[in-house]
Amino acid sequence: MAAAEPPGAEDLSQLAENALHQLQENFQALIEKITLRMEEMGERIDDLEKHVADLMTEAGIENTDEELRVKKPSFLLYFMYFHLVLNYGQHLV
């Protein structure tokens, strides 16, 4: 019986390319899942802000939506930063 020959450079190159492709697909799926969860969280935060504003109105506290938005960074700003970091990585640092 002849011993199995070690894979050639072409075989190793193909294996590495397949592994990188699979890694890229898994990473993209993870990004999509995180993006969906962040969008859901953003909707929940928006709902919470609306309910807090309604409670403040009922309590007679005068704060407009504009005042509330000035005091905190936008969720969209955080989302955009997260998206840029995932897509461009260390280029932002």
PDB file of N, CA and C in Angstrom:
ATOM      1  N   MET A   1       0.811  -1.188   0.000  1.00  0.00           N
ATOM      2  CA  MET A   1       0.000   0.000   0.000  1.00  0.00           C
ATOM      3  C   MET A   1       0.851   1.246   0.000  1.00  0.00           C
ATOM      4  N   ALA A   2       0.504   2.164  -0.822  1.00  0.00           N
ATOM      5  CA  ALA A   2       1.263   3.408  -0.880  1.00  0.00           C
ATOM      6  C   ALA A   2       0.709   4.381   0.149  1.00  0.00           C
ATOM      7  N   ALA A   3       1.629   5.118   0.781  1.00  0.00           N
ATOM      8  CA  ALA A   3       1.215   6.124   1.783  1.00  0.00           C
ATOM      9  C   ALA A   3       0.536   7.284   1.063  1.00  0.00           C
ATOM     10  N   ALA A   4      -0.428   7.898   1.740  1.00  0.00           N
ATOM     11  CA  ALA A   4      -1.136   9.042   1.148  1.00  0.00           C
ATOM     12  C   ALA A   4      -0.168  10.207   0.996  1.00  0.00           C
ATOM     13  N   GLU A   5      -0.233  10.834  -0.148  1.00  0.00           N
ATOM     14  CA  GLU A   5       0.645  11.974  -0.394  1.00  0.00           C
ATOM     15  C   GLU A   5       0.092  13.200   0.339  1.00  0.00           C
ATOM     16  N   PRO A   6       0.997  14.027   0.863  1.00  0.00           N
ATOM     17  CA  PRO A   6       0.525  15.250   1.539  1.00  0.00           C
ATOM     18  C   PRO A   6      -0.150  16.167   0.520  1.00  0.00           C
ATOM     19  N   PRO A   7      -1.122  16.907   0.964  1.00  0.00           N
ATOM     20  CA  PRO A   7      -1.809  17.796   0.027  1.00  0.00           C
ATOM     21  C   PRO A   7      -0.842  18.821  -0.554  1.00  0.00           C
ATOM     22  N   GLY A   8      -1.082  19.148  -1.801  1.00  0.00           N
ATOM     23  CA  GLY A   8      -0.225  20.118  -2.468  1.00  0.00           C
ATOM     24  C   GLY A   8      -0.586  21.542  -2.082  1.00  0.00           C
ATOM     25  N   ALA A   9       0.177  22.463  -2.591  1.00  0.00           N
ATOM     26  CA  ALA A   9      -0.038  23.881  -2.298  1.00  0.00           C
ATOM     27  C   ALA A   9      -1.413  24.339  -2.770  1.00  0.00           C
ATOM     28  N   GLU A  10      -1.852  23.778  -3.906  1.00  0.00           N
ATOM     29  CA  GLU A  10      -3.170  24.168  -4.426  1.00  0.00           C
ATOM     30  C   GLU A  10      -4.279  23.698  -3.487  1.00  0.00           C
ATOM     31  N   ASP A  11      -4.119  22.482  -2.955  1.00  0.00           N
ATOM     32  CA  ASP A  11      -5.117  21.950  -2.027  1.00  0.00           C
ATOM     33  C   ASP A  11      -5.168  22.787  -0.747  1.00  0.00           C
ATOM     34  N   LEU A  12      -3.994  23.130  -0.219  1.00  0.00           N
ATOM     35  CA  LEU A  12      -3.946  23.937   0.994  1.00  0.00           C
ATOM     36  C   LEU A  12      -4.540  25.324   0.752  1.00  0.00           C
ATOM     37  N   SER A  13      -4.246  25.875  -0.408  1.00  0.00           N
ATOM     38  CA  SER A  13      -4.791  27.186  -0.749  1.00  0.00           C
ATOM     39  C   SER A  13      -6.313  27.132  -0.816  1.00  0.00           C
ATOM     40  N   GLN A  14      -6.847  26.076  -1.422  1.00  0.00           N
ATOM     41  CA  GLN A  14      -8.295  25.922  -1.526  1.00  0.00           C
ATOM     42  C   GLN A  14      -8.929  25.728  -0.143  1.00  0.00           C
ATOM     43  N   LEU A  15      -8.285  24.931   0.713  1.00  0.00           N
ATOM     44  CA  LEU A  15      -8.785  24.724   2.070  1.00  0.00           C
ATOM     45  C   LEU A  15      -8.820  26.040   2.848  1.00  0.00           C
ATOM     46  N   ALA A  16      -7.743  26.824   2.719  1.00  0.00           N
ATOM     47  CA  ALA A  16      -7.685  28.109   3.415  1.00  0.00           C
ATOM     48  C   ALA A  16      -8.756  29.060   2.884  1.00  0.00           C
ATOM     49  N   GLU A  17      -8.938  29.074   1.581  1.00  0.00           N
ATOM     50  CA  GLU A  17      -9.954  29.943   0.977  1.00  0.00           C
ATOM     51  C   GLU A  17     -11.356  29.541   1.443  1.00  0.00           C
ATOM     52  N   ASN A  18     -11.626  28.242   1.490  1.00  0.00           N
ATOM     53  CA  ASN A  18     -12.927  27.763   1.960  1.00  0.00           C
ATOM     54  C   ASN A  18     -13.151  28.134   3.431  1.00  0.00           C
ATOM     55  N   ALA A  19     -12.114  27.978   4.249  1.00  0.00           N
ATOM     56  CA  ALA A  19     -12.232  28.313   5.673  1.00  0.00           C
ATOM     57  C   ALA A  19     -12.489  29.808   5.857  1.00  0.00           C
ATOM     58  N   LEU A  20     -11.795  30.643   5.104  1.00  0.00           N
ATOM     59  CA  LEU A  20     -12.003  32.090   5.199  1.00  0.00           C
ATOM     60  C   LEU A  20     -13.391  32.492   4.714  1.00  0.00           C
ATOM     61  N   HIS A  21     -13.856  31.829   3.668  1.00  0.00           N
ATOM     62  CA  HIS A  21     -15.194  32.111   3.149  1.00  0.00           C
ATOM     63  C   HIS A  21     -16.257  31.753   4.187  1.00  0.00           C
ATOM     64  N   GLN A  22     -16.097  30.598   4.823  1.00  0.00           N
ATOM     65  CA  GLN A  22     -17.040  30.177   5.865  1.00  0.00           C
ATOM     66  C   GLN A  22     -16.996  31.134   7.046  1.00  0.00           C
ATOM     67  N   LEU A  23     -15.809  31.565   7.431  1.00  0.00           N
ATOM     68  CA  LEU A  23     -15.658  32.527   8.523  1.00  0.00           C
ATOM     69  C   LEU A  23     -16.349  33.845   8.182  1.00  0.00           C
ATOM     70  N   GLN A  24     -16.198  34.302   6.948  1.00  0.00           N
ATOM     71  CA  GLN A  24     -16.832  35.536   6.508  1.00  0.00           C
ATOM     72  C   GLN A  24     -18.362  35.399   6.543  1.00  0.00           C
ATOM     73  N   GLU A  25     -18.890  34.267   6.108  1.00  0.00           N
ATOM     74  CA  GLU A  25     -20.333  34.039   6.141  1.00  0.00           C
ATOM     75  C   GLU A  25     -20.858  34.032   7.582  1.00  0.00           C
ATOM     76  N   ASN A  26     -20.128  33.366   8.470  1.00  0.00           N
ATOM     77  CA  ASN A  26     -20.538  33.327   9.878  1.00  0.00           C
ATOM     78  C   ASN A  26     -20.491  34.720  10.502  1.00  0.00           C
ATOM     79  N   PHE A  27     -19.465  35.481  10.189  1.00  0.00           N
ATOM     80  CA  PHE A  27     -19.333  36.827  10.727  1.00  0.00           C
ATOM     81  C   PHE A  27     -20.459  37.717  10.205  1.00  0.00           C
ATOM     82  N   GLN A  28     -20.785  37.598   8.932  1.00  0.00           N
ATOM     83  CA  GLN A  28     -21.873  38.398   8.350  1.00  0.00           C
ATOM     84  C   GLN A  28     -23.201  38.044   9.001  1.00  0.00           C
ATOM     85  N   ALA A  29     -23.440  36.757   9.261  1.00  0.00           N
ATOM     86  CA  ALA A  29     -24.670  36.337   9.934  1.00  0.00           C
ATOM     87  C   ALA A  29     -24.728  36.907  11.343  1.00  0.00           C
ATOM     88  N   LEU A  30     -23.603  36.935  12.025  1.00  0.00           N
ATOM     89  CA  LEU A  30     -23.542  37.507  13.367  1.00  0.00           C
ATOM     90  C   LEU A  30     -23.828  39.004  13.337  1.00  0.00           C
ATOM     91  N   ILE A  31     -23.259  39.703  12.360  1.00  0.00           N
ATOM     92  CA  ILE A  31     -23.506  41.144  12.216  1.00  0.00           C
ATOM     93  C   ILE A  31     -24.990  41.402  11.987  1.00  0.00           C
ATOM     94  N   GLU A  32     -25.612  40.602  11.130  1.00  0.00           N
ATOM     95  CA  GLU A  32     -27.041  40.780  10.855  1.00  0.00           C
ATOM     96  C   GLU A  32     -27.880  40.536  12.099  1.00  0.00           C
ATOM     97  N   LYS A  33     -27.511  39.521  12.884  1.00  0.00           N
ATOM     98  CA  LYS A  33     -28.236  39.216  14.112  1.00  0.00           C
ATOM     99  C   LYS A  33     -28.082  40.350  15.122  1.00  0.00           C
ATOM    100  N   ILE A  34     -26.872  40.859  15.280  1.00  0.00           N
ATOM    101  CA  ILE A  34     -26.623  41.967  16.209  1.00  0.00           C
ATOM    102  C   ILE A  34     -27.365  43.214  15.748  1.00  0.00           C
ATOM    103  N   THR A  35     -27.356  43.479  14.453  1.00  0.00           N
ATOM    104  CA  THR A  35     -28.054  44.640  13.909  1.00  0.00           C
ATOM    105  C   THR A  35     -29.544  44.560  14.197  1.00  0.00           C
ATOM    106  N   LEU A  36     -30.130  43.388  14.003  1.00  0.00           N
ATOM    107  CA  LEU A  36     -31.551  43.204  14.282  1.00  0.00           C
ATOM    108  C   LEU A  36     -31.845  43.441  15.760  1.00  0.00           C
ATOM    109  N   ARG A  37     -31.017  42.897  16.620  1.00  0.00           N
ATOM    110  CA  ARG A  37     -31.221  43.078  18.065  1.00  0.00           C
ATOM    111  C   ARG A  37     -31.074  44.547  18.456  1.00  0.00           C
ATOM    112  N   MET A  38     -30.124  45.244  17.847  1.00  0.00           N
ATOM    113  CA  MET A  38     -29.945  46.672  18.157  1.00  0.00           C
ATOM    114  C   MET A  38     -31.148  47.480  17.684  1.00  0.00           C
ATOM    115  N   GLU A  39     -31.701  47.129  16.531  1.00  0.00           N
ATOM    116  CA  GLU A  39     -32.896  47.818  16.045  1.00  0.00           C
ATOM    117  C   GLU A  39     -34.065  47.589  16.993  1.00  0.00           C
ATOM    118  N   GLU A  40     -34.216  46.341  17.465  1.00  0.00           N
ATOM    119  CA  GLU A  40     -35.270  46.035  18.428  1.00  0.00           C
ATOM    120  C   GLU A  40     -35.068  46.820  19.719  1.00  0.00           C
ATOM    121  N   MET A  41     -33.817  46.896  20.174  1.00  0.00           N
ATOM    122  CA  MET A  41     -33.527  47.651  21.384  1.00  0.00           C
ATOM    123  C   MET A  41     -33.831  49.134  21.178  1.00  0.00           C
ATOM    124  N   GLY A  42     -33.523  49.645  20.010  1.00  0.00           N
ATOM    125  CA  GLY A  42     -33.817  51.037  19.712  1.00  0.00           C
ATOM    126  C   GLY A  42     -35.305  51.318  19.764  1.00  0.00           C
ATOM    127  N   GLU A  43     -36.103  50.395  19.240  1.00  0.00           N
ATOM    128  CA  GLU A  43     -37.562  50.556  19.289  1.00  0.00           C
ATOM    129  C   GLU A  43     -38.055  50.536  20.728  1.00  0.00           C
ATOM    130  N   ARG A  44     -37.492  49.659  21.539  1.00  0.00           N
ATOM    131  CA  ARG A  44     -37.889  49.600  22.946  1.00  0.00           C
ATOM    132  C   ARG A  44     -37.501  50.884  23.679  1.00  0.00           C
ATOM    133  N   ILE A  45     -36.318  51.396  23.385  1.00  0.00           N
ATOM    134  CA  ILE A  45     -35.882  52.643  24.012  1.00  0.00           C
ATOM    135  C   ILE A  45     -36.800  53.780  23.606  1.00  0.00           C
ATOM    136  N   ASP A  46     -37.165  53.834  22.325  1.00  0.00           N
ATOM    137  CA  ASP A  46     -38.090  54.875  21.860  1.00  0.00           C
ATOM    138  C   ASP A  46     -39.427  54.781  22.583  1.00  0.00           C
ATOM    139  N   ASP A  47     -39.942  53.552  22.744  1.00  0.00           N
ATOM    140  CA  ASP A  47     -41.197  53.360  23.469  1.00  0.00           C
ATOM    141  C   ASP A  47     -41.060  53.813  24.920  1.00  0.00           C
ATOM    142  N   LEU A  48     -39.951  53.454  25.542  1.00  0.00           N
ATOM    143  CA  LEU A  48     -39.722  53.849  26.932  1.00  0.00           C
ATOM    144  C   LEU A  48     -39.662  55.369  27.059  1.00  0.00           C
ATOM    145  N   GLU A  49     -38.967  56.026  26.142  1.00  0.00           N
ATOM    146  CA  GLU A  49     -38.887  57.486  26.175  1.00  0.00           C
ATOM    147  C   GLU A  49     -40.269  58.115  26.045  1.00  0.00           C
ATOM    148  N   LYS A  50     -41.091  57.530  25.168  1.00  0.00           N
ATOM    149  CA  LYS A  50     -42.445  58.057  24.985  1.00  0.00           C
ATOM    150  C   LYS A  50     -43.256  57.897  26.264  1.00  0.00           C
ATOM    151  N   HIS A  51     -43.158  56.725  26.892  1.00  0.00           N
ATOM    152  CA  HIS A  51     -43.901  56.494  28.130  1.00  0.00           C
ATOM    153  C   HIS A  51     -43.426  57.418  29.250  1.00  0.00           C
ATOM    154  N   VAL A  52     -42.119  57.629  29.349  1.00  0.00           N
ATOM    155  CA  VAL A  52     -41.583  58.537  30.361  1.00  0.00           C
ATOM    156  C   VAL A  52     -42.084  59.953  30.106  1.00  0.00           C
ATOM    157  N   ALA A  53     -42.068  60.376  28.853  1.00  0.00           N
ATOM    158  CA  ALA A  53     -42.565  61.711  28.511  1.00  0.00           C
ATOM    159  C   ALA A  53     -44.048  61.845  28.857  1.00  0.00           C
ATOM    160  N   ASP A  54     -44.830  60.788  28.584  1.00  0.00           N
ATOM    161  CA  ASP A  54     -46.258  60.813  28.937  1.00  0.00           C
ATOM    162  C   ASP A  54     -46.442  60.918  30.446  1.00  0.00           C
ATOM    163  N   LEU A  55     -45.660  60.160  31.211  1.00  0.00           N
ATOM    164  CA  LEU A  55     -45.751  60.224  32.672  1.00  0.00           C
ATOM    165  C   LEU A  55     -45.359  61.601  33.193  1.00  0.00           C
ATOM    166  N   MET A  56     -44.336  62.184  32.583  1.00  0.00           N
ATOM    167  CA  MET A  56     -43.905  63.523  32.999  1.00  0.00           C
ATOM    168  C   MET A  56     -45.006  64.543  32.720  1.00  0.00           C
ATOM    169  N   THR A  57     -45.677  64.384  31.595  1.00  0.00           N
ATOM    170  CA  THR A  57     -46.769  65.288  31.258  1.00  0.00           C
ATOM    171  C   THR A  57     -47.906  65.134  32.260  1.00  0.00           C
ATOM    172  N   GLU A  58     -48.237  63.892  32.585  1.00  0.00           N
ATOM    173  CA  GLU A  58     -49.290  63.638  33.568  1.00  0.00           C
ATOM    174  C   GLU A  58     -48.932  64.208  34.935  1.00  0.00           C
ATOM    175  N   ALA A  59     -47.640  64.179  35.280  1.00  0.00           N
ATOM    176  CA  ALA A  59     -47.195  64.678  36.573  1.00  0.00           C
ATOM    177  C   ALA A  59     -47.052  66.197  36.581  1.00  0.00           C
ATOM    178  N   GLY A  60     -47.215  66.818  35.425  1.00  0.00           N
ATOM    179  CA  GLY A  60     -47.111  68.271  35.345  1.00  0.00           C
ATOM    180  C   GLY A  60     -45.699  68.785  35.174  1.00  0.00           C
ATOM    181  N   ILE A  61     -44.787  67.905  34.812  1.00  0.00           N
ATOM    182  CA  ILE A  61     -43.402  68.317  34.575  1.00  0.00           C
ATOM    183  C   ILE A  61     -43.285  68.726  33.116  1.00  0.00           C
ATOM    184  N   GLU A  62     -42.748  69.914  32.903  1.00  0.00           N
ATOM    185  CA  GLU A  62     -42.663  70.459  31.542  1.00  0.00           C
ATOM    186  C   GLU A  62     -41.284  70.194  30.943  1.00  0.00           C
ATOM    187  N   ASN A  63     -41.164  69.163  30.168  1.00  0.00           N
ATOM    188  CA  ASN A  63     -39.969  68.892  29.363  1.00  0.00           C
ATOM    189  C   ASN A  63     -40.448  68.517  27.979  1.00  0.00           C
ATOM    190  N   THR A  64     -39.919  69.158  26.988  1.00  0.00           N
ATOM    191  CA  THR A  64     -40.300  68.827  25.624  1.00  0.00           C
ATOM    192  C   THR A  64     -39.437  67.680  25.124  1.00  0.00           C
ATOM    193  N   ASP A  65     -39.871  67.057  24.073  1.00  0.00           N
ATOM    194  CA  ASP A  65     -39.069  65.994  23.458  1.00  0.00           C
ATOM    195  C   ASP A  65     -37.714  66.533  23.026  1.00  0.00           C
ATOM    196  N   GLU A  66     -37.688  67.765  22.572  1.00  0.00           N
ATOM    197  CA  GLU A  66     -36.433  68.387  22.130  1.00  0.00           C
ATOM    198  C   GLU A  66     -35.446  68.465  23.284  1.00  0.00           C
ATOM    199  N   GLU A  67     -35.894  68.865  24.465  1.00  0.00           N
ATOM    200  CA  GLU A  67     -35.002  68.952  25.621  1.00  0.00           C
ATOM    201  C   GLU A  67     -34.465  67.582  25.995  1.00  0.00           C
ATOM    202  N   LEU A  68     -35.306  66.550  25.936  1.00  0.00           N
ATOM    203  CA  LEU A  68     -34.870  65.206  26.279  1.00  0.00           C
ATOM    204  C   LEU A  68     -33.826  64.699  25.297  1.00  0.00           C
ATOM    205  N   ARG A  69     -33.981  65.009  24.041  1.00  0.00           N
ATOM    206  CA  ARG A  69     -33.029  64.523  23.033  1.00  0.00           C
ATOM    207  C   ARG A  69     -31.684  65.230  23.122  1.00  0.00           C
ATOM    208  N   VAL A  70     -31.672  66.470  23.557  1.00  0.00           N
ATOM    209  CA  VAL A  70     -30.421  67.211  23.654  1.00  0.00           C
ATOM    210  C   VAL A  70     -29.570  66.649  24.788  1.00  0.00           C
ATOM    211  N   LYS A  71     -30.206  66.117  25.818  1.00  0.00           N
ATOM    212  CA  LYS A  71     -29.481  65.660  26.993  1.00  0.00           C
ATOM    213  C   LYS A  71     -28.776  64.333  26.790  1.00  0.00           C
ATOM    214  N   LYS A  72     -29.151  63.529  25.822  1.00  0.00           N
ATOM    215  CA  LYS A  72     -28.529  62.228  25.637  1.00  0.00           C
ATOM    216  C   LYS A  72     -28.191  62.015  24.166  1.00  0.00           C
ATOM    217  N   PRO A  73     -27.123  61.264  23.900  1.00  0.00           N
ATOM    218  CA  PRO A  73     -26.802  60.961  22.505  1.00  0.00           C
ATOM    219  C   PRO A  73     -27.890  60.086  21.887  1.00  0.00           C
ATOM    220  N   SER A  74     -28.063  60.220  20.636  1.00  0.00           N
ATOM    221  CA  SER A  74     -29.060  59.457  19.906  1.00  0.00           C
ATOM    222  C   SER A  74     -28.659  57.990  19.816  1.00  0.00           C
ATOM    223  N   PHE A  75     -29.651  57.092  19.919  1.00  0.00           N
ATOM    224  CA  PHE A  75     -29.393  55.677  19.728  1.00  0.00           C
ATOM    225  C   PHE A  75     -28.851  55.433  18.326  1.00  0.00           C
ATOM    226  N   LEU A  76     -29.365  56.194  17.375  1.00  0.00           N
ATOM    227  CA  LEU A  76     -28.909  56.045  15.998  1.00  0.00           C
ATOM    228  C   LEU A  76     -27.411  56.338  15.888  1.00  0.00           C
ATOM    229  N   LEU A  77     -26.925  57.307  16.652  1.00  0.00           N
ATOM    230  CA  LEU A  77     -25.497  57.630  16.645  1.00  0.00           C
ATOM    231  C   LEU A  77     -24.683  56.431  17.122  1.00  0.00           C
ATOM    232  N   TYR A  78     -25.123  55.791  18.218  1.00  0.00           N
ATOM    233  CA  TYR A  78     -24.432  54.597  18.701  1.00  0.00           C
ATOM    234  C   TYR A  78     -24.477  53.488  17.652  1.00  0.00           C
ATOM    235  N   PHE A  79     -25.623  53.295  17.036  1.00  0.00           N
ATOM    236  CA  PHE A  79     -25.782  52.255  16.032  1.00  0.00           C
ATOM    237  C   PHE A  79     -24.842  52.494  14.843  1.00  0.00           C
ATOM    238  N   MET A  80     -24.781  53.737  14.381  1.00  0.00           N
ATOM    239  CA  MET A  80     -23.914  54.056  13.236  1.00  0.00           C
ATOM    240  C   MET A  80     -22.453  53.800  13.580  1.00  0.00           C
ATOM    241  N   TYR A  81     -22.032  54.189  14.803  1.00  0.00           N
ATOM    242  CA  TYR A  81     -20.658  53.963  15.215  1.00  0.00           C
ATOM    243  C   TYR A  81     -20.355  52.463  15.253  1.00  0.00           C
ATOM    244  N   PHE A  82     -21.274  51.678  15.844  1.00  0.00           N
ATOM    245  CA  PHE A  82     -21.102  50.235  15.923  1.00  0.00           C
ATOM    246  C   PHE A  82     -20.972  49.629  14.531  1.00  0.00           C
ATOM    247  N   HIS A  83     -21.825  50.073  13.619  1.00  0.00           N
ATOM    248  CA  HIS A  83     -21.794  49.567  12.246  1.00  0.00           C
ATOM    249  C   HIS A  83     -20.447  49.898  11.579  1.00  0.00           C
ATOM    250  N   LEU A  84     -19.970  51.112  11.761  1.00  0.00           N
ATOM    251  CA  LEU A  84     -18.689  51.505  11.169  1.00  0.00           C
ATOM    252  C   LEU A  84     -17.541  50.682  11.734  1.00  0.00           C
ATOM    253  N   VAL A  85     -17.543  50.465  13.038  1.00  0.00           N
ATOM    254  CA  VAL A  85     -16.463  49.675  13.665  1.00  0.00           C
ATOM    255  C   VAL A  85     -16.477  48.257  13.117  1.00  0.00           C
ATOM    256  N   LEU A  86     -17.667  47.665  12.976  1.00  0.00           N
ATOM    257  CA  LEU A  86     -17.729  46.297  12.460  1.00  0.00           C
ATOM    258  C   LEU A  86     -17.262  46.214  11.016  1.00  0.00           C
ATOM    259  N   ASN A  87     -17.607  47.219  10.215  1.00  0.00           N
ATOM    260  CA  ASN A  87     -17.266  47.156   8.801  1.00  0.00           C
ATOM    261  C   ASN A  87     -15.857  47.636   8.485  1.00  0.00           C
ATOM    262  N   TYR A  88     -15.344  48.570   9.279  1.00  0.00           N
ATOM    263  CA  TYR A  88     -14.043  49.141   8.942  1.00  0.00           C
ATOM    264  C   TYR A  88     -12.995  48.903  10.000  1.00  0.00           C
ATOM    265  N   GLY A  89     -13.408  48.281  11.118  1.00  0.00           N
ATOM    266  CA  GLY A  89     -12.471  47.841  12.159  1.00  0.00           C
ATOM    267  C   GLY A  89     -11.505  48.898  12.628  1.00  0.00           C
ATOM    268  N   GLN A  90     -10.251  48.552  12.564  1.00  0.00           N
ATOM    269  CA  GLN A  90      -9.195  49.395  13.137  1.00  0.00           C
ATOM    270  C   GLN A  90      -8.932  50.654  12.315  1.00  0.00           C
ATOM    271  N   HIS A  91      -9.555  50.797  11.175  1.00  0.00           N
ATOM    272  CA  HIS A  91      -9.343  52.001  10.374  1.00  0.00           C
ATOM    273  C   HIS A  91      -9.871  53.237  11.075  1.00  0.00           C
ATOM    274  N   LEU A  92     -10.811  53.051  12.045  1.00  0.00           N
ATOM    275  CA  LEU A  92     -11.378  54.181  12.761  1.00  0.00           C
ATOM    276  C   LEU A  92     -10.517  54.613  13.939  1.00  0.00           C
ATOM    277  N   VAL A  93      -9.656  53.701  14.403  1.00  0.00           N
ATOM    278  CA  VAL A  93      -8.855  53.979  15.614  1.00  0.00           C
ATOM    279  C   VAL A  93      -7.704  54.871  15.285  1.00  0.00           C
TER     280      VAL A  93
END
